[in-house]
Amino acid sequence: MFLQGSEMTTLDNVADWHNLILKWDRLNDEGSTIANKIVNLGLTMFCDVLLDNKWNWEESHANYQRLWNNQPNLD
């Protein structure tokens, strides 16, 4: 049985929506991961300042690099 006309268009639209929802879920997860990394970076820098009573640029930069090594690709 082959679909024709509006039936085929409807099926194509449903498939498109399904793919868009999957993409939305993936981007939402990646966005949450990035937000968590930003918060963790801020907490790390804040703790460094509290514990050392100073801010060490080199250590903070190393922490930044460590946190962002696995940044997802948002294509």
N, C-alpha and C. Protein backbone atom coordinates (compact mmCIF):
# COMPACT_ATOMS: atom_id res chain seq x y z
N MET A 1 0.84 -1.18 0.00
CA MET A 1 0.00 0.00 0.00
C MET A 1 0.89 1.25 0.00
N PHE A 2 0.66 2.12 -0.92
CA PHE A 2 1.43 3.35 -1.04
C PHE A 2 0.56 4.53 -0.63
N LEU A 3 1.19 5.47 0.10
CA LEU A 3 0.48 6.67 0.50
C LEU A 3 0.62 7.72 -0.59
N GLN A 4 -0.46 8.46 -0.80
CA GLN A 4 -0.45 9.49 -1.84
C GLN A 4 -1.09 10.76 -1.29
N GLY A 5 -0.74 11.87 -1.91
CA GLY A 5 -1.40 13.14 -1.63
C GLY A 5 -1.25 13.59 -0.19
N SER A 6 -2.40 13.96 0.40
CA SER A 6 -2.39 14.53 1.75
C SER A 6 -1.94 13.53 2.81
N GLU A 7 -2.17 12.24 2.56
CA GLU A 7 -1.71 11.23 3.52
C GLU A 7 -0.19 11.23 3.61
N MET A 8 0.46 11.33 2.48
CA MET A 8 1.92 11.35 2.45
C MET A 8 2.45 12.64 3.07
N THR A 9 1.78 13.76 2.80
CA THR A 9 2.17 15.05 3.37
C THR A 9 2.06 15.00 4.90
N THR A 10 0.97 14.42 5.39
CA THR A 10 0.77 14.30 6.84
C THR A 10 1.86 13.44 7.46
N LEU A 11 2.18 12.34 6.84
CA LEU A 11 3.23 11.46 7.34
C LEU A 11 4.58 12.18 7.35
N ASP A 12 4.88 12.94 6.31
CA ASP A 12 6.12 13.71 6.26
C ASP A 12 6.17 14.75 7.38
N ASN A 13 5.04 15.42 7.61
CA ASN A 13 4.98 16.43 8.67
C ASN A 13 5.20 15.82 10.05
N VAL A 14 4.60 14.66 10.27
CA VAL A 14 4.78 13.97 11.55
C VAL A 14 6.25 13.59 11.74
N ALA A 15 6.88 13.09 10.70
CA ALA A 15 8.30 12.72 10.77
C ALA A 15 9.16 13.95 11.03
N ASP A 16 8.85 15.07 10.38
CA ASP A 16 9.60 16.31 10.60
C ASP A 16 9.48 16.78 12.05
N TRP A 17 8.25 16.75 12.59
CA TRP A 17 8.04 17.15 13.98
C TRP A 17 8.79 16.23 14.94
N HIS A 18 8.76 14.96 14.66
CA HIS A 18 9.48 14.00 15.50
C HIS A 18 10.97 14.32 15.53
N ASN A 19 11.55 14.58 14.37
CA ASN A 19 12.97 14.91 14.29
C ASN A 19 13.29 16.23 15.00
N LEU A 20 12.39 17.21 14.88
CA LEU A 20 12.60 18.48 15.57
C LEU A 20 12.54 18.32 17.09
N ILE A 21 11.64 17.48 17.57
CA ILE A 21 11.55 17.23 19.01
C ILE A 21 12.81 16.55 19.51
N LEU A 22 13.33 15.59 18.75
CA LEU A 22 14.57 14.93 19.14
C LEU A 22 15.73 15.93 19.19
N LYS A 23 15.78 16.83 18.21
CA LYS A 23 16.84 17.84 18.18
C LYS A 23 16.69 18.79 19.37
N TRP A 24 15.46 19.20 19.66
CA TRP A 24 15.19 20.08 20.80
C TRP A 24 15.67 19.42 22.10
N ASP A 25 15.36 18.15 22.29
CA ASP A 25 15.78 17.45 23.50
C ASP A 25 17.30 17.42 23.62
N ARG A 26 17.99 17.15 22.50
CA ARG A 26 19.45 17.09 22.52
C ARG A 26 20.04 18.46 22.86
N LEU A 27 19.53 19.51 22.21
CA LEU A 27 20.04 20.86 22.47
C LEU A 27 19.72 21.31 23.89
N ASN A 28 18.57 20.92 24.40
CA ASN A 28 18.21 21.26 25.77
C ASN A 28 19.17 20.60 26.76
N ASP A 29 19.49 19.34 26.53
CA ASP A 29 20.45 18.63 27.39
C ASP A 29 21.83 19.28 27.32
N GLU A 30 22.27 19.63 26.12
CA GLU A 30 23.58 20.25 25.96
C GLU A 30 23.61 21.63 26.60
N GLY A 31 22.51 22.37 26.49
CA GLY A 31 22.43 23.68 27.13
C GLY A 31 22.49 23.57 28.65
N SER A 32 21.84 22.56 29.20
CA SER A 32 21.90 22.34 30.64
C SER A 32 23.31 21.99 31.08
N THR A 33 24.00 21.21 30.27
CA THR A 33 25.39 20.85 30.57
C THR A 33 26.27 22.10 30.59
N ILE A 34 26.09 22.97 29.61
CA ILE A 34 26.88 24.21 29.55
C ILE A 34 26.56 25.10 30.75
N ALA A 35 25.27 25.22 31.10
CA ALA A 35 24.89 26.04 32.25
C ALA A 35 25.52 25.50 33.53
N ASN A 36 25.53 24.17 33.68
CA ASN A 36 26.15 23.57 34.86
C ASN A 36 27.65 23.85 34.90
N LYS A 37 28.30 23.81 33.75
CA LYS A 37 29.74 24.10 33.70
C LYS A 37 30.01 25.55 34.11
N ILE A 38 29.16 26.46 33.66
CA ILE A 38 29.33 27.87 34.02
C ILE A 38 29.17 28.06 35.53
N VAL A 39 28.15 27.44 36.10
CA VAL A 39 27.93 27.54 37.54
C VAL A 39 29.10 26.94 38.30
N ASN A 40 29.55 25.76 37.88
CA ASN A 40 30.68 25.11 38.56
C ASN A 40 31.95 25.95 38.47
N LEU A 41 32.16 26.59 37.33
CA LEU A 41 33.32 27.46 37.17
C LEU A 41 33.24 28.63 38.15
N GLY A 42 32.06 29.23 38.24
CA GLY A 42 31.88 30.34 39.18
C GLY A 42 32.09 29.91 40.62
N LEU A 43 31.56 28.73 40.98
CA LEU A 43 31.74 28.23 42.34
C LEU A 43 33.21 27.93 42.62
N THR A 44 33.90 27.37 41.64
CA THR A 44 35.32 27.06 41.81
C THR A 44 36.11 28.35 42.04
N MET A 45 35.84 29.36 41.23
CA MET A 45 36.55 30.63 41.39
C MET A 45 36.21 31.28 42.73
N PHE A 46 34.94 31.21 43.13
CA PHE A 46 34.51 31.79 44.40
C PHE A 46 35.20 31.08 45.57
N CYS A 47 35.25 29.75 45.52
CA CYS A 47 35.91 28.98 46.58
C CYS A 47 37.40 29.28 46.62
N ASP A 48 38.02 29.44 45.45
CA ASP A 48 39.44 29.79 45.41
C ASP A 48 39.69 31.11 46.13
N VAL A 49 38.82 32.07 45.90
CA VAL A 49 38.97 33.38 46.53
C VAL A 49 38.76 33.26 48.04
N LEU A 50 37.74 32.51 48.46
CA LEU A 50 37.46 32.37 49.89
C LEU A 50 38.58 31.63 50.62
N LEU A 51 39.05 30.54 50.03
CA LEU A 51 40.05 29.72 50.71
C LEU A 51 41.43 30.36 50.71
N ASP A 52 41.81 30.97 49.61
CA ASP A 52 43.14 31.55 49.49
C ASP A 52 43.16 33.03 49.87
N ASN A 53 41.98 33.61 49.99
CA ASN A 53 41.84 35.04 50.23
C ASN A 53 42.55 35.85 49.15
N LYS A 54 42.66 35.27 47.98
CA LYS A 54 43.24 35.94 46.81
C LYS A 54 42.72 35.23 45.57
N TRP A 55 42.97 35.80 44.43
CA TRP A 55 42.53 35.19 43.19
C TRP A 55 43.75 34.91 42.33
N ASN A 56 43.99 33.64 42.05
CA ASN A 56 45.14 33.23 41.26
C ASN A 56 44.69 33.00 39.82
N TRP A 57 45.09 33.89 38.92
CA TRP A 57 44.64 33.82 37.54
C TRP A 57 45.04 32.51 36.87
N GLU A 58 46.28 32.06 37.08
CA GLU A 58 46.75 30.84 36.41
C GLU A 58 45.94 29.62 36.83
N GLU A 59 45.69 29.48 38.13
CA GLU A 59 44.91 28.34 38.61
C GLU A 59 43.47 28.41 38.12
N SER A 60 42.89 29.59 38.15
CA SER A 60 41.52 29.75 37.69
C SER A 60 41.41 29.45 36.20
N HIS A 61 42.40 29.88 35.44
CA HIS A 61 42.40 29.60 34.01
C HIS A 61 42.54 28.10 33.76
N ALA A 62 43.37 27.42 34.54
CA ALA A 62 43.51 25.97 34.41
C ALA A 62 42.20 25.27 34.74
N ASN A 63 41.50 25.74 35.76
CA ASN A 63 40.19 25.16 36.11
C ASN A 63 39.19 25.39 34.98
N TYR A 64 39.23 26.59 34.40
CA TYR A 64 38.35 26.90 33.28
C TYR A 64 38.60 25.93 32.12
N GLN A 65 39.87 25.71 31.79
CA GLN A 65 40.21 24.80 30.69
C GLN A 65 39.75 23.38 31.01
N ARG A 66 39.93 22.95 32.24
CA ARG A 66 39.54 21.60 32.65
C ARG A 66 38.02 21.43 32.53
N LEU A 67 37.26 22.42 32.95
CA LEU A 67 35.80 22.32 32.91
C LEU A 67 35.25 22.34 31.49
N TRP A 68 35.93 23.04 30.58
CA TRP A 68 35.41 23.21 29.23
C TRP A 68 36.04 22.29 28.20
N ASN A 69 36.85 21.32 28.64
CA ASN A 69 37.49 20.41 27.69
C ASN A 69 36.49 19.64 26.85
N ASN A 70 35.39 19.23 27.42
CA ASN A 70 34.42 18.40 26.71
C ASN A 70 33.19 19.17 26.31
N GLN A 71 33.37 20.40 25.86
CA GLN A 71 32.24 21.23 25.44
C GLN A 71 31.56 20.60 24.23
N PRO A 72 30.22 20.41 24.28
CA PRO A 72 29.52 19.80 23.15
C PRO A 72 29.47 20.71 21.93
N ASN A 73 29.36 20.10 20.77
CA ASN A 73 29.22 20.84 19.52
C ASN A 73 27.74 21.12 19.30
N LEU A 74 27.35 22.37 19.16
CA LEU A 74 25.93 22.74 19.05
C LEU A 74 25.51 22.94 17.60
N ASP A 75 25.64 21.94 16.80
CA ASP A 75 25.22 22.03 15.39
C ASP A 75 23.76 21.73 15.24
